[in-house]
Structure formats: structure tokens, C-alpha cells
């Protein structure tokens, strides 16, 4: 689907080649920081799947992977109320953990996840995100690794969706605001 630009897309923000290059750079930095350790990557479903997979391949130290899913209780906007809908399969006690997110926005969700995971007694816990939208940050969170910082745009592709569509795009695009108000 990479050559097709779907209706409703305003512009491509990060083409596939740029994402691949940046993920390799971040993977190298993670490998260096955790050299000599076994790292557990924890992805947040569903959005982080594409990024987590590419990132794991770019890391040259032993990695384990686990996933969790969350659901937010909110109407139009983030209320900050989050619950875990699918928990980890294995314990993280004594492990070096890196939480992998597709996008960090207000910070509420990732703060909750970091606090929850820290309570499970990992050796260390870090945070990596594909996209960091600091312009909307309400709660400050320590981002150890980020691929890109973005402005206040609604983005799709590379795991990010609009109504469960467009995750399979190999690039990240900005949705046209008019397309978001339809339907």
C-alpha cells in the first residue's frame, strides 16, 4: 500500500525510508545503552506492533518481547483514566524493561503504564516512542528514546490508525482535518 495515498491524507510526514533510517539509529542507541544485558521490550497494542517489530530487528543484543493492551475511558479527549485490557504474559521482576509506544501525547497513559510496570519490580524501566507530540503534553514523562517529534496533527500509518484503518501504511501521514469530521 506504500505507493497509494489514500483519500483523506493531507500529506506524508515521514516517508518509509526516513522511518527505517531513524529506527536503525534508535535501535543502535538502545543496543549501546543495554549492552551486556538482556532487554525485554514491552509493546502497547495495537499501535506499536509495526514499530516494535522494526525496532527489535534493529537492536543487536538479546531481546524478549511481551505485549499489553490498554483501554481508556473517555469521550472526546483523553480523561487520563486507563485500564489494562490485556496484561503481560510473563513477570518482569528483575528484568531490564523498555516500554515501546507508537505515540506519546498528553502523557497520561504512559505515566500510568510506567507506574504500573515499576510496581512489578523490574531491574530498570525505560521508554521508547516512535512519535512524541510534546505540544500536547500535560503530564511530563521521561522519554529515553524517540524517533520523531511531531506537532499537533492527526497522524496515520506505521501502526497508527483512524477507525482501525491505515495501520499498514509504511509511512506516516497527516490526515486532512476535514476527513476526520466526516462520518
N, C-alpha and C. Protein backbone atom coordinates (compact mmCIF):
# COMPACT_ATOMS: atom_id res chain seq x y z
N UNK A 1 0.82 -1.20 0.00
CA UNK A 1 0.00 0.00 0.00
C UNK A 1 0.87 1.26 0.00
N UNK A 2 2.17 1.12 0.02
CA UNK A 2 3.05 2.27 0.17
C UNK A 2 2.97 3.26 -0.97
N UNK A 3 2.67 2.81 -2.19
CA UNK A 3 2.63 3.74 -3.32
C UNK A 3 1.30 4.46 -3.44
N UNK A 4 0.29 3.99 -2.74
CA UNK A 4 -1.02 4.62 -2.81
C UNK A 4 -1.22 5.59 -1.66
N UNK A 5 -1.68 6.77 -1.99
CA UNK A 5 -2.02 7.75 -0.95
C UNK A 5 -3.54 7.71 -0.80
N UNK A 6 -4.03 7.22 0.33
CA UNK A 6 -5.48 7.07 0.49
C UNK A 6 -6.20 8.42 0.57
N UNK A 7 -7.49 8.42 0.26
CA UNK A 7 -8.28 9.64 0.41
C UNK A 7 -8.24 10.11 1.86
N UNK A 8 -8.25 11.40 2.05
CA UNK A 8 -8.24 11.96 3.39
C UNK A 8 -6.86 12.27 3.91
N UNK A 9 -5.82 11.84 3.19
CA UNK A 9 -4.46 12.14 3.61
C UNK A 9 -4.06 13.52 3.09
N UNK A 10 -3.65 14.36 4.00
CA UNK A 10 -3.22 15.72 3.63
C UNK A 10 -1.81 15.71 3.05
N UNK A 11 -0.90 14.98 3.74
CA UNK A 11 0.49 14.92 3.27
C UNK A 11 1.24 13.81 4.00
N UNK A 12 2.30 13.34 3.37
CA UNK A 12 3.18 12.38 4.01
C UNK A 12 4.13 13.16 4.91
N UNK A 13 4.19 12.77 6.16
CA UNK A 13 5.03 13.45 7.14
C UNK A 13 6.42 12.82 7.18
N UNK A 14 6.47 11.49 7.26
CA UNK A 14 7.74 10.76 7.27
C UNK A 14 7.64 9.60 6.29
N UNK A 15 8.41 9.64 5.20
CA UNK A 15 8.38 8.52 4.25
C UNK A 15 9.04 7.28 4.85
N UNK A 16 8.76 6.13 4.24
CA UNK A 16 9.25 4.85 4.74
C UNK A 16 10.76 4.84 4.94
N UNK A 17 11.51 5.37 3.99
CA UNK A 17 12.97 5.36 4.08
C UNK A 17 13.47 6.15 5.29
N UNK A 18 12.84 7.27 5.57
CA UNK A 18 13.24 8.08 6.72
C UNK A 18 12.93 7.36 8.03
N UNK A 19 11.80 6.69 8.08
CA UNK A 19 11.44 5.92 9.28
C UNK A 19 12.44 4.79 9.48
N UNK A 20 12.74 4.05 8.43
CA UNK A 20 13.68 2.93 8.53
C UNK A 20 15.04 3.40 9.03
N UNK A 21 15.53 4.51 8.50
CA UNK A 21 16.82 5.04 8.93
C UNK A 21 16.79 5.43 10.40
N UNK A 22 15.74 6.12 10.80
CA UNK A 22 15.66 6.58 12.19
C UNK A 22 15.49 5.41 13.16
N UNK A 23 14.71 4.41 12.79
CA UNK A 23 14.54 3.24 13.66
C UNK A 23 15.88 2.52 13.84
N UNK A 24 16.67 2.41 12.77
CA UNK A 24 18.01 1.80 12.90
C UNK A 24 18.89 2.60 13.85
N UNK A 25 18.84 3.93 13.77
CA UNK A 25 19.63 4.77 14.66
C UNK A 25 19.21 4.59 16.11
N UNK A 26 17.91 4.58 16.36
CA UNK A 26 17.41 4.40 17.73
C UNK A 26 17.74 2.99 18.22
N UNK A 27 17.61 1.99 17.36
CA UNK A 27 17.97 0.62 17.73
C UNK A 27 19.43 0.51 18.13
N UNK A 28 20.29 1.21 17.40
CA UNK A 28 21.72 1.21 17.74
C UNK A 28 21.96 1.87 19.10
N UNK A 29 21.26 2.96 19.38
CA UNK A 29 21.41 3.65 20.67
C UNK A 29 20.91 2.77 21.83
N UNK A 30 19.81 2.07 21.60
CA UNK A 30 19.29 1.15 22.62
C UNK A 30 20.27 0.01 22.85
N UNK A 31 20.80 -0.54 21.77
CA UNK A 31 21.79 -1.63 21.88
C UNK A 31 22.98 -1.19 22.71
N UNK A 32 23.43 0.02 22.48
CA UNK A 32 24.60 0.54 23.20
C UNK A 32 24.28 0.73 24.68
N UNK A 33 23.14 1.30 24.98
CA UNK A 33 22.76 1.55 26.38
C UNK A 33 22.60 0.25 27.17
N UNK A 34 22.05 -0.77 26.53
CA UNK A 34 21.75 -2.02 27.24
C UNK A 34 22.77 -3.13 26.93
N UNK A 35 23.90 -2.77 26.35
CA UNK A 35 24.93 -3.77 26.01
C UNK A 35 25.30 -4.57 27.25
N UNK A 36 25.38 -5.88 27.10
CA UNK A 36 25.71 -6.75 28.22
C UNK A 36 24.51 -7.17 29.05
N UNK A 37 23.33 -6.70 28.66
CA UNK A 37 22.10 -7.04 29.38
C UNK A 37 21.14 -7.72 28.43
N UNK A 38 20.19 -8.39 29.00
CA UNK A 38 19.09 -8.95 28.22
C UNK A 38 17.91 -8.01 28.39
N UNK A 39 17.37 -7.52 27.32
CA UNK A 39 16.34 -6.49 27.35
C UNK A 39 14.98 -7.07 27.03
N UNK A 40 13.97 -6.63 27.77
CA UNK A 40 12.59 -7.02 27.46
C UNK A 40 11.87 -5.80 26.89
N UNK A 41 11.41 -5.92 25.66
CA UNK A 41 10.61 -4.88 25.02
C UNK A 41 9.15 -5.17 25.31
N UNK A 42 8.43 -4.16 25.78
CA UNK A 42 7.00 -4.32 26.03
C UNK A 42 6.27 -3.36 25.11
N UNK A 43 5.53 -3.92 24.17
CA UNK A 43 4.76 -3.12 23.22
C UNK A 43 3.35 -2.91 23.72
N UNK A 44 2.80 -1.77 23.34
CA UNK A 44 1.43 -1.43 23.71
C UNK A 44 0.55 -1.64 22.47
N UNK A 45 -0.37 -2.61 22.57
CA UNK A 45 -1.24 -2.94 21.44
C UNK A 45 -2.25 -1.84 21.17
N UNK A 46 -2.63 -1.66 19.98
CA UNK A 46 -2.23 -2.27 18.73
C UNK A 46 -1.21 -1.42 18.00
N UNK A 47 -1.18 -0.14 18.31
CA UNK A 47 -0.40 0.81 17.54
C UNK A 47 1.08 0.56 17.46
N UNK A 48 1.67 -0.03 18.48
CA UNK A 48 3.13 -0.16 18.49
C UNK A 48 3.65 -1.38 17.74
N UNK A 49 2.78 -2.24 17.24
CA UNK A 49 3.23 -3.50 16.65
C UNK A 49 4.26 -3.29 15.53
N UNK A 50 3.97 -2.42 14.60
CA UNK A 50 4.88 -2.21 13.46
C UNK A 50 6.21 -1.64 13.93
N UNK A 51 6.16 -0.65 14.81
CA UNK A 51 7.37 -0.03 15.34
C UNK A 51 8.16 -1.03 16.18
N UNK A 52 7.49 -1.76 17.04
CA UNK A 52 8.15 -2.74 17.90
C UNK A 52 8.90 -3.78 17.07
N UNK A 53 8.28 -4.27 16.03
CA UNK A 53 8.91 -5.27 15.17
C UNK A 53 10.15 -4.72 14.50
N UNK A 54 10.05 -3.55 13.91
CA UNK A 54 11.20 -2.94 13.24
C UNK A 54 12.31 -2.62 14.25
N UNK A 55 11.92 -2.13 15.42
CA UNK A 55 12.89 -1.78 16.45
C UNK A 55 13.63 -3.01 16.95
N UNK A 56 12.90 -4.08 17.21
CA UNK A 56 13.54 -5.32 17.68
C UNK A 56 14.58 -5.81 16.68
N UNK A 57 14.28 -5.69 15.41
CA UNK A 57 15.23 -6.11 14.38
C UNK A 57 16.45 -5.20 14.31
N UNK A 58 16.31 -3.97 14.76
CA UNK A 58 17.42 -3.01 14.72
C UNK A 58 18.30 -3.07 15.97
N UNK A 59 17.90 -3.85 16.95
CA UNK A 59 18.65 -3.99 18.20
C UNK A 59 19.52 -5.24 18.08
N UNK A 60 20.81 -5.09 18.40
CA UNK A 60 21.73 -6.23 18.21
C UNK A 60 22.16 -6.90 19.51
N UNK A 61 21.33 -6.78 20.54
CA UNK A 61 21.55 -7.52 21.78
C UNK A 61 20.34 -8.43 21.98
N UNK A 62 20.44 -9.43 22.89
CA UNK A 62 19.28 -10.31 23.10
C UNK A 62 18.07 -9.53 23.61
N UNK A 63 16.91 -9.78 23.00
CA UNK A 63 15.67 -9.14 23.44
C UNK A 63 14.57 -10.18 23.60
N UNK A 64 13.72 -9.92 24.57
CA UNK A 64 12.47 -10.66 24.75
C UNK A 64 11.37 -9.66 24.41
N UNK A 65 10.22 -10.18 24.02
CA UNK A 65 9.10 -9.29 23.67
C UNK A 65 7.85 -9.76 24.41
N UNK A 66 7.12 -8.80 24.94
CA UNK A 66 5.82 -9.06 25.53
C UNK A 66 4.92 -7.90 25.13
N UNK A 67 3.62 -8.10 25.25
CA UNK A 67 2.66 -7.08 24.84
C UNK A 67 1.62 -6.88 25.92
N UNK A 68 1.08 -5.68 25.96
CA UNK A 68 -0.08 -5.41 26.78
C UNK A 68 -1.02 -4.53 25.99
N UNK A 69 -2.26 -4.52 26.38
CA UNK A 69 -3.26 -3.67 25.73
C UNK A 69 -3.96 -2.85 26.79
N UNK A 70 -4.31 -1.65 26.42
CA UNK A 70 -4.99 -0.75 27.35
C UNK A 70 -6.29 -0.28 26.75
N UNK A 71 -7.16 0.20 27.60
CA UNK A 71 -8.36 0.89 27.13
C UNK A 71 -8.52 2.13 27.98
N UNK A 72 -8.93 3.19 27.32
CA UNK A 72 -9.13 4.46 28.00
C UNK A 72 -10.61 4.71 28.15
N UNK A 73 -10.96 5.33 29.25
CA UNK A 73 -12.34 5.71 29.49
C UNK A 73 -12.45 7.19 29.23
N UNK A 74 -12.95 7.54 28.05
CA UNK A 74 -13.08 8.96 27.74
C UNK A 74 -14.09 9.14 26.63
N UNK A 75 -14.60 10.34 26.54
CA UNK A 75 -15.50 10.68 25.46
C UNK A 75 -14.68 11.26 24.32
N UNK A 76 -14.67 12.55 24.22
CA UNK A 76 -13.90 13.21 23.15
C UNK A 76 -12.65 13.80 23.74
N UNK A 77 -11.65 13.09 23.92
CA UNK A 77 -10.43 13.61 24.53
C UNK A 77 -9.99 12.68 25.62
N UNK A 78 -8.77 12.83 26.01
CA UNK A 78 -8.21 11.91 26.99
C UNK A 78 -8.58 12.34 28.40
N UNK A 79 -9.20 11.45 29.12
CA UNK A 79 -9.58 11.75 30.50
C UNK A 79 -8.47 11.36 31.47
N UNK A 80 -7.51 10.55 30.97
CA UNK A 80 -6.46 10.08 31.85
C UNK A 80 -6.83 8.82 32.60
N UNK A 81 -8.07 8.31 32.43
CA UNK A 81 -8.48 7.08 33.08
C UNK A 81 -8.18 5.91 32.15
N UNK A 82 -7.29 5.04 32.61
CA UNK A 82 -6.80 3.95 31.77
C UNK A 82 -6.90 2.65 32.56
N UNK A 83 -7.13 1.55 31.84
CA UNK A 83 -7.06 0.24 32.48
C UNK A 83 -6.36 -0.71 31.52
N UNK A 84 -5.74 -1.73 32.08
CA UNK A 84 -5.07 -2.74 31.26
C UNK A 84 -6.11 -3.75 30.82
N UNK A 85 -6.28 -3.90 29.51
CA UNK A 85 -7.25 -4.83 28.94
C UNK A 85 -6.61 -6.19 28.67
N UNK A 86 -5.32 -6.21 28.37
CA UNK A 86 -4.57 -7.46 28.18
C UNK A 86 -3.24 -7.26 28.87
N UNK A 87 -2.97 -8.07 29.87
CA UNK A 87 -1.76 -7.90 30.66
C UNK A 87 -0.60 -8.68 30.04
N UNK A 88 0.58 -8.47 30.58
CA UNK A 88 1.78 -9.18 30.15
C UNK A 88 1.62 -10.68 30.36
N UNK A 89 2.29 -11.45 29.53
CA UNK A 89 2.26 -12.90 29.69
C UNK A 89 3.22 -13.38 30.77
N UNK A 90 4.31 -12.65 30.98
CA UNK A 90 5.36 -13.07 31.91
C UNK A 90 5.69 -11.97 32.90
N UNK A 91 6.28 -12.35 34.00
CA UNK A 91 6.75 -11.42 35.02
C UNK A 91 7.91 -10.59 34.47
N UNK A 92 8.03 -9.37 34.96
CA UNK A 92 9.18 -8.53 34.58
C UNK A 92 10.09 -8.27 35.78
N UNK A 93 9.84 -8.94 36.88
CA UNK A 93 10.65 -8.75 38.07
C UNK A 93 12.11 -9.05 37.76
N UNK A 94 12.99 -8.10 38.10
CA UNK A 94 14.42 -8.26 37.90
C UNK A 94 14.89 -8.07 36.46
N UNK A 95 14.00 -7.70 35.56
CA UNK A 95 14.36 -7.55 34.14
C UNK A 95 14.61 -6.08 33.80
N UNK A 96 15.41 -5.88 32.75
CA UNK A 96 15.58 -4.55 32.17
C UNK A 96 14.50 -4.41 31.11
N UNK A 97 13.61 -3.44 31.31
CA UNK A 97 12.40 -3.31 30.50
C UNK A 97 12.43 -2.00 29.73
N UNK A 98 11.99 -2.06 28.47
CA UNK A 98 11.81 -0.87 27.67
C UNK A 98 10.38 -0.87 27.14
N UNK A 99 9.57 0.07 27.61
CA UNK A 99 8.20 0.23 27.14
C UNK A 99 8.25 0.90 25.78
N UNK A 100 7.58 0.29 24.79
CA UNK A 100 7.62 0.79 23.41
C UNK A 100 6.22 1.27 23.03
N UNK A 101 6.11 2.55 22.72
CA UNK A 101 4.85 3.19 22.35
C UNK A 101 4.90 3.66 20.91
N UNK A 102 3.73 3.77 20.29
CA UNK A 102 3.66 4.35 18.95
C UNK A 102 3.70 5.87 19.03
N UNK A 103 2.97 6.44 19.97
CA UNK A 103 2.91 7.90 20.10
C UNK A 103 2.66 8.26 21.56
N UNK A 104 3.33 9.29 22.02
CA UNK A 104 3.07 9.84 23.35
C UNK A 104 2.47 11.21 23.14
N UNK A 105 1.32 11.42 23.76
CA UNK A 105 0.55 12.64 23.55
C UNK A 105 0.48 13.42 24.86
N UNK A 106 -0.61 13.29 25.59
CA UNK A 106 -0.78 14.04 26.84
C UNK A 106 0.16 13.54 27.93
N UNK A 107 0.51 12.26 27.87
CA UNK A 107 1.37 11.66 28.88
C UNK A 107 0.62 10.86 29.93
N UNK A 108 -0.70 11.01 29.98
CA UNK A 108 -1.49 10.30 30.99
C UNK A 108 -1.34 8.79 30.90
N UNK A 109 -1.53 8.26 29.69
CA UNK A 109 -1.49 6.81 29.52
C UNK A 109 -0.12 6.25 29.84
N UNK A 110 0.91 6.86 29.30
CA UNK A 110 2.26 6.32 29.52
C UNK A 110 2.69 6.47 30.97
N UNK A 111 2.25 7.52 31.65
CA UNK A 111 2.56 7.66 33.08
C UNK A 111 1.93 6.50 33.85
N UNK A 112 0.68 6.21 33.55
CA UNK A 112 0.01 5.08 34.20
C UNK A 112 0.77 3.78 33.95
N UNK A 113 1.15 3.54 32.69
CA UNK A 113 1.84 2.29 32.36
C UNK A 113 3.20 2.20 33.06
N UNK A 114 3.94 3.30 33.07
CA UNK A 114 5.25 3.29 33.74
C UNK A 114 5.10 3.02 35.24
N UNK A 115 4.11 3.65 35.87
CA UNK A 115 3.88 3.42 37.30
C UNK A 115 3.47 1.97 37.56
N UNK A 116 2.58 1.46 36.73
CA UNK A 116 2.12 0.09 36.87
C UNK A 116 3.27 -0.88 36.72
N UNK A 117 4.07 -0.70 35.69
CA UNK A 117 5.20 -1.61 35.44
C UNK A 117 6.28 -1.48 36.51
N UNK A 118 6.53 -0.28 36.98
CA UNK A 118 7.53 -0.08 38.04
C UNK A 118 7.15 -0.83 39.30
N UNK A 119 5.85 -0.94 39.58
CA UNK A 119 5.37 -1.67 40.74
C UNK A 119 5.61 -3.18 40.65
N UNK A 120 6.01 -3.65 39.49
CA UNK A 120 6.28 -5.08 39.29
C UNK A 120 7.76 -5.42 39.48
N UNK A 121 8.52 -4.47 39.98
CA UNK A 121 9.92 -4.63 40.39
C UNK A 121 10.88 -5.04 39.27
N UNK A 122 10.84 -4.33 38.13
CA UNK A 122 11.87 -4.61 37.12
C UNK A 122 13.21 -4.06 37.61
N UNK A 123 14.30 -4.55 37.05
CA UNK A 123 15.62 -4.02 37.36
C UNK A 123 15.71 -2.57 36.91
N UNK A 124 15.19 -2.29 35.71
CA UNK A 124 15.15 -0.92 35.19
C UNK A 124 13.97 -0.83 34.23
N UNK A 125 13.50 0.39 34.03
CA UNK A 125 12.42 0.61 33.06
C UNK A 125 12.70 1.88 32.29
N UNK A 126 12.62 1.77 30.98
CA UNK A 126 12.83 2.91 30.10
C UNK A 126 11.65 3.07 29.17
N UNK A 127 11.67 4.13 28.38
CA UNK A 127 10.56 4.44 27.49
C UNK A 127 11.09 4.83 26.12
N UNK A 128 10.51 4.20 25.10
CA UNK A 128 10.86 4.49 23.71
C UNK A 128 9.57 4.75 22.95
N UNK A 129 9.57 5.76 22.10
CA UNK A 129 8.38 6.06 21.30
C UNK A 129 8.75 6.37 19.87
N UNK A 130 7.88 5.99 18.98
CA UNK A 130 8.05 6.34 17.57
C UNK A 130 7.82 7.83 17.40
N UNK A 131 6.71 8.33 17.93
CA UNK A 131 6.34 9.74 17.80
C UNK A 131 6.12 10.36 19.17
N UNK A 132 6.60 11.58 19.32
CA UNK A 132 6.45 12.32 20.57
C UNK A 132 5.79 13.65 20.24
N UNK A 133 4.56 13.81 20.70
CA UNK A 133 3.81 15.05 20.44
C UNK A 133 3.87 15.90 21.71
N UNK A 134 4.99 16.55 21.92
CA UNK A 134 5.21 17.31 23.15
C UNK A 134 4.30 18.52 23.27
N UNK A 135 3.79 19.01 22.16
CA UNK A 135 2.93 20.21 22.20
C UNK A 135 1.64 19.96 22.97
N UNK A 136 1.24 18.70 23.13
CA UNK A 136 0.01 18.37 23.85
C UNK A 136 0.27 17.77 25.23
N UNK A 137 1.53 17.76 25.65
CA UNK A 137 1.90 17.12 26.90
C UNK A 137 1.30 17.85 28.09
N UNK A 138 0.61 17.11 28.93
CA UNK A 138 0.05 17.62 30.18
C UNK A 138 0.85 17.06 31.35
N UNK A 139 1.19 15.77 31.26
CA UNK A 139 1.96 15.08 32.29
C UNK A 139 3.34 14.80 31.73
N UNK A 140 4.37 15.29 32.40
CA UNK A 140 5.73 15.05 31.92
C UNK A 140 6.15 13.61 32.23
N UNK A 141 6.72 12.97 31.22
CA UNK A 141 7.21 11.60 31.36
C UNK A 141 8.62 11.53 30.78
N UNK A 142 9.46 10.67 31.36
CA UNK A 142 10.85 10.57 30.89
C UNK A 142 10.96 9.72 29.62
N UNK A 143 11.13 10.35 28.48
CA UNK A 143 11.28 9.63 27.21
C UNK A 143 12.77 9.39 26.98
N UNK A 144 13.17 8.13 27.00
CA UNK A 144 14.58 7.79 26.82
C UNK A 144 15.00 7.77 25.35
N UNK A 145 14.10 7.30 24.50
CA UNK A 145 14.40 7.19 23.07
C UNK A 145 13.16 7.62 22.29
N UNK A 146 13.36 8.47 21.28
CA UNK A 146 12.26 8.88 20.41
C UNK A 146 12.78 8.92 18.98
N UNK A 147 11.91 8.53 18.08
CA UNK A 147 12.28 8.62 16.67
C UNK A 147 12.02 10.01 16.13
N UNK A 148 10.81 10.52 16.35
CA UNK A 148 10.43 11.82 15.80
C UNK A 148 9.56 12.59 16.78
N UNK A 149 9.74 13.90 16.78
CA UNK A 149 8.83 14.78 17.49
C UNK A 149 7.90 15.37 16.44
N UNK A 150 6.61 15.43 16.76
CA UNK A 150 5.65 15.96 15.80
C UNK A 150 4.82 17.06 16.42
N UNK A 151 4.21 17.87 15.56
CA UNK A 151 3.30 18.91 16.01
C UNK A 151 1.93 18.32 16.28
N UNK A 152 0.98 19.20 16.45
CA UNK A 152 -0.38 18.79 16.80
C UNK A 152 -1.17 18.42 15.54
N UNK A 153 -0.84 17.27 14.97
CA UNK A 153 -1.51 16.75 13.78
C UNK A 153 -2.10 15.38 14.11
N UNK A 154 -3.17 15.01 13.40
CA UNK A 154 -3.69 13.66 13.50
C UNK A 154 -2.94 12.84 12.47
N UNK A 155 -2.19 11.83 12.93
CA UNK A 155 -1.34 11.07 12.03
C UNK A 155 -1.78 9.62 11.93
N UNK A 156 -1.49 9.03 10.78
CA UNK A 156 -1.82 7.64 10.50
C UNK A 156 -0.62 6.96 9.86
N UNK A 157 -0.66 5.65 9.83
CA UNK A 157 0.37 4.86 9.17
C UNK A 157 1.38 4.32 10.15
N UNK A 158 2.09 3.28 9.71
CA UNK A 158 3.13 2.64 10.51
C UNK A 158 2.60 2.23 11.89
N UNK A 159 1.37 1.74 11.89
CA UNK A 159 0.74 1.27 13.12
C UNK A 159 -0.32 2.20 13.67
N UNK A 160 -0.27 3.47 13.31
CA UNK A 160 -1.25 4.44 13.79
C UNK A 160 -2.48 4.39 12.88
N UNK A 161 -3.66 4.54 13.49
CA UNK A 161 -4.88 4.32 12.72
C UNK A 161 -5.87 5.47 12.82
N UNK A 162 -6.84 5.41 11.94
CA UNK A 162 -8.05 6.19 12.02
C UNK A 162 -9.18 5.20 11.83
N UNK A 163 -9.95 4.95 12.89
CA UNK A 163 -11.03 3.97 12.88
C UNK A 163 -10.54 2.60 12.43
N UNK A 164 -9.38 2.21 12.94
CA UNK A 164 -8.74 0.91 12.70
C UNK A 164 -8.20 0.76 11.27
N UNK A 165 -8.21 1.80 10.48
CA UNK A 165 -7.66 1.76 9.12
C UNK A 165 -6.31 2.46 9.07
N UNK A 166 -5.56 2.16 8.04
CA UNK A 166 -4.30 2.83 7.68
C UNK A 166 -3.09 2.38 8.48
N UNK A 167 -3.24 1.46 9.42
CA UNK A 167 -2.07 0.99 10.18
C UNK A 167 -1.00 0.41 9.27
N UNK A 168 -1.41 -0.19 8.15
CA UNK A 168 -0.49 -0.90 7.27
C UNK A 168 0.31 -0.01 6.33
N UNK A 169 0.11 1.29 6.35
CA UNK A 169 0.93 2.18 5.54
C UNK A 169 2.37 2.11 6.03
N UNK A 170 3.33 2.10 5.11
CA UNK A 170 4.73 2.04 5.54
C UNK A 170 5.33 3.42 5.75
N UNK A 171 4.51 4.44 5.74
CA UNK A 171 4.92 5.81 6.02
C UNK A 171 3.96 6.39 7.05
N UNK A 172 4.29 7.57 7.56
CA UNK A 172 3.41 8.27 8.49
C UNK A 172 2.89 9.51 7.77
N UNK A 173 1.57 9.67 7.80
CA UNK A 173 0.93 10.78 7.09
C UNK A 173 0.03 11.57 8.02
N UNK A 174 -0.23 12.81 7.62
CA UNK A 174 -1.14 13.68 8.34
C UNK A 174 -2.50 13.56 7.67
N UNK A 175 -3.53 13.30 8.48
CA UNK A 175 -4.90 13.27 7.95
C UNK A 175 -5.40 14.70 7.75
N UNK A 176 -6.16 14.88 6.72
CA UNK A 176 -6.81 16.15 6.46
C UNK A 176 -7.89 16.33 7.52
N UNK A 177 -7.89 17.45 8.26
CA UNK A 177 -8.90 17.64 9.31
C UNK A 177 -10.33 17.50 8.81
N UNK A 178 -10.60 17.91 7.57
CA UNK A 178 -11.95 17.79 7.02
C UNK A 178 -12.37 16.32 6.90
N UNK A 179 -11.42 15.43 6.63
CA UNK A 179 -11.73 14.00 6.52
C UNK A 179 -12.06 13.40 7.88
N UNK A 180 -11.54 13.98 8.94
CA UNK A 180 -11.80 13.49 10.29
C UNK A 180 -13.20 13.86 10.78
N UNK A 181 -13.74 14.94 10.26
CA UNK A 181 -15.06 15.39 10.72
C UNK A 181 -16.19 14.71 9.98
N UNK A 182 -15.89 14.06 8.85
CA UNK A 182 -16.90 13.32 8.10
C UNK A 182 -17.22 12.01 8.83
N UNK A 183 -18.40 11.52 8.67
CA UNK A 183 -18.84 10.23 9.20
C UNK A 183 -19.18 10.25 10.63
